Each structure stands twice: as C-alpha cells, then as structure tokens.
Amino acid sequence: MPASGSTDDAGERPLPDTGEGASLPEVRRVEPGATLLLCRCGRSPRLPDCPSDCRQGLSLHIERQQLLILCRCGLSRRLPYCDGSHAPATPSLRDKWRRFWQGG
C-alpha cells in the first residue's frame, strides 16, 4: 500500500534518537508483510510508534518495500508522516534553498 509521505528510494537509514535529532524525521524502510502501529495524535513517548493500547493509532499493513518519512517531533499536521513542521519558517525562497543545500 503506497502511503503518503513515503518514497521508494533505497539506502536511507533511520536517524539516531539523540538530542535534537529526535525532532528530525525518521526514514524507515519497511518490508512486505510487516504491520506497523503509528502515532496520529503526537502524544506517544516513542514517536513515530504508537503504544498498542492507544485507540488513535494508525495500523499499516505493508504490501511492498518502501521508505516512510515519519514524524518524530509530534508537530506534523499529517501524522504519522513528516510534513516539515519541525523546521523553523524561513522568510524567503533564497533562505529555503540555502537551508536545503547546506542542511542548516
């Protein structure tokens, strides 16, 4: 099942959950047959994963190998997928371009 916020490019690994890195998205490779329970409310202590007793979790059954870009900051309007809300707003297109290429 293709999911919004997913990509098919291989080679990415999840980011380490250390310090400010926890606010960056997690790139997670998923395999066919896997079932994920992902947080949609943003209150899970282990974002992007959801506790099994949460009624708002999104259960995904994976049908093909793909990469998911998952929110770890809880600010996304498209939970469990990252929408870039973790990044501060930039005043101009030039600043966005600079941040994209320089990673800052």
Protein backbone atom coordinates (compact mmCIF):
# COMPACT_ATOMS: atom_id res chain seq x y z
CA MET A 1 0.00 0.00 0.00
CA PRO A 2 1.68 3.25 -1.05
CA ALA A 3 1.46 5.72 1.78
CA SER A 4 1.51 9.47 1.69
CA GLY A 5 4.88 10.62 2.94
CA SER A 6 6.64 7.59 1.51
CA THR A 7 9.39 7.17 -1.03
CA ASP A 8 10.76 4.19 -2.88
CA ASP A 9 14.44 5.17 -2.93
CA ALA A 10 16.68 2.72 -1.12
CA GLY A 11 19.72 3.37 1.03
CA GLU A 12 18.36 5.58 3.82
CA ARG A 13 18.62 4.53 7.46
CA PRO A 14 16.67 5.77 10.50
CA LEU A 15 18.25 8.76 12.22
CA PRO A 16 19.63 8.19 15.71
CA ASP A 17 17.34 9.27 18.54
CA THR A 18 19.77 11.62 20.27
CA GLY A 19 19.28 15.18 21.43
CA GLU A 20 17.85 17.48 18.78
CA GLY A 21 17.94 14.65 16.25
CA ALA A 22 14.71 13.43 17.83
CA SER A 23 12.90 16.32 16.14
CA LEU A 24 14.11 15.27 12.68
CA PRO A 25 12.02 12.79 10.68
CA GLU A 26 12.76 9.09 10.74
CA VAL A 27 13.32 7.41 7.39
CA ARG A 28 12.16 3.84 7.91
CA ARG A 29 12.49 1.03 5.39
CA VAL A 30 9.51 -1.31 5.57
CA GLU A 31 9.15 -4.74 4.03
CA PRO A 32 6.10 -6.50 2.55
CA GLY A 33 4.03 -8.31 5.18
CA ALA A 34 5.04 -6.01 8.04
CA THR A 35 2.35 -4.34 10.13
CA LEU A 36 3.10 -1.02 11.83
CA LEU A 37 1.17 0.83 14.51
CA LEU A 38 1.99 4.52 14.10
CA CYS A 39 1.01 7.52 16.23
CA ARG A 40 -1.54 10.01 14.84
CA CYS A 41 -2.08 12.13 17.96
CA GLY A 42 1.54 13.20 18.60
CA ARG A 43 1.49 12.19 22.28
CA SER A 44 3.33 8.89 22.06
CA PRO A 45 6.53 8.80 24.13
CA ARG A 46 8.14 6.77 21.32
CA LEU A 47 7.23 8.71 18.16
CA PRO A 48 6.58 7.66 15.46
CA ASP A 49 5.48 4.36 17.01
CA CYS A 50 2.21 4.13 18.92
CA PRO A 51 1.52 2.12 22.09
CA SER A 52 -0.73 -0.88 21.43
CA ASP A 53 -3.36 0.40 23.90
CA CYS A 54 -3.87 3.73 22.06
CA ARG A 55 -7.17 3.97 20.17
CA GLN A 56 -5.93 6.64 17.76
CA GLY A 57 -3.00 4.67 16.30
CA LEU A 58 -2.80 4.06 12.56
CA SER A 59 -2.31 0.41 11.65
CA LEU A 60 -0.49 -0.01 8.32
CA HIS A 61 -0.12 -3.36 6.59
CA ILE A 62 2.83 -3.04 4.21
CA GLU A 63 2.34 -4.56 0.76
CA ARG A 64 5.63 -3.55 -0.90
CA GLN A 65 9.11 -2.48 0.14
CA GLN A 66 9.26 1.28 0.59
CA LEU A 67 10.70 4.05 2.72
CA LEU A 68 8.40 6.02 5.02
CA ILE A 69 9.29 9.51 6.22
CA LEU A 70 7.85 9.57 9.75
CA CYS A 71 7.40 12.46 12.19
CA ARG A 72 9.32 12.31 15.47
CA CYS A 73 8.58 15.82 16.76
CA GLY A 74 4.77 15.49 17.00
CA LEU A 75 4.17 18.81 15.18
CA SER A 76 3.17 17.45 11.77
CA ARG A 77 -0.37 18.07 10.54
CA ARG A 78 -0.12 14.79 8.63
CA LEU A 79 0.84 12.42 11.46
CA PRO A 80 2.38 9.90 11.36
CA TYR A 81 4.11 11.36 8.28
CA CYS A 82 6.57 14.26 8.43
CA ASP A 83 5.42 17.50 6.78
CA GLY A 84 8.47 19.60 7.72
CA SER A 85 6.82 21.33 10.70
CA HIS A 86 9.96 20.66 12.79
CA ALA A 87 11.89 23.24 10.74
CA PRO A 88 11.58 26.95 11.58
CA ALA A 89 9.93 29.12 8.96
CA THR A 90 12.22 30.90 6.51
CA PRO A 91 11.47 34.41 5.25
CA SER A 92 12.39 33.86 1.61
CA LEU A 93 12.82 31.29 -1.12
CA ARG A 94 16.55 32.04 -1.09
CA ASP A 95 16.75 31.08 2.60
CA LYS A 96 14.79 27.86 1.94
CA TRP A 97 17.17 27.00 -0.89
CA ARG A 98 20.19 27.69 1.32
CA ARG A 99 18.80 25.55 4.17
CA PHE A 100 18.06 22.71 1.76
CA TRP A 101 21.56 22.63 0.28
CA GLN A 102 23.54 23.46 3.43
CA GLY A 103 21.42 21.47 5.88
CA GLY A 104 21.03 24.39 8.29
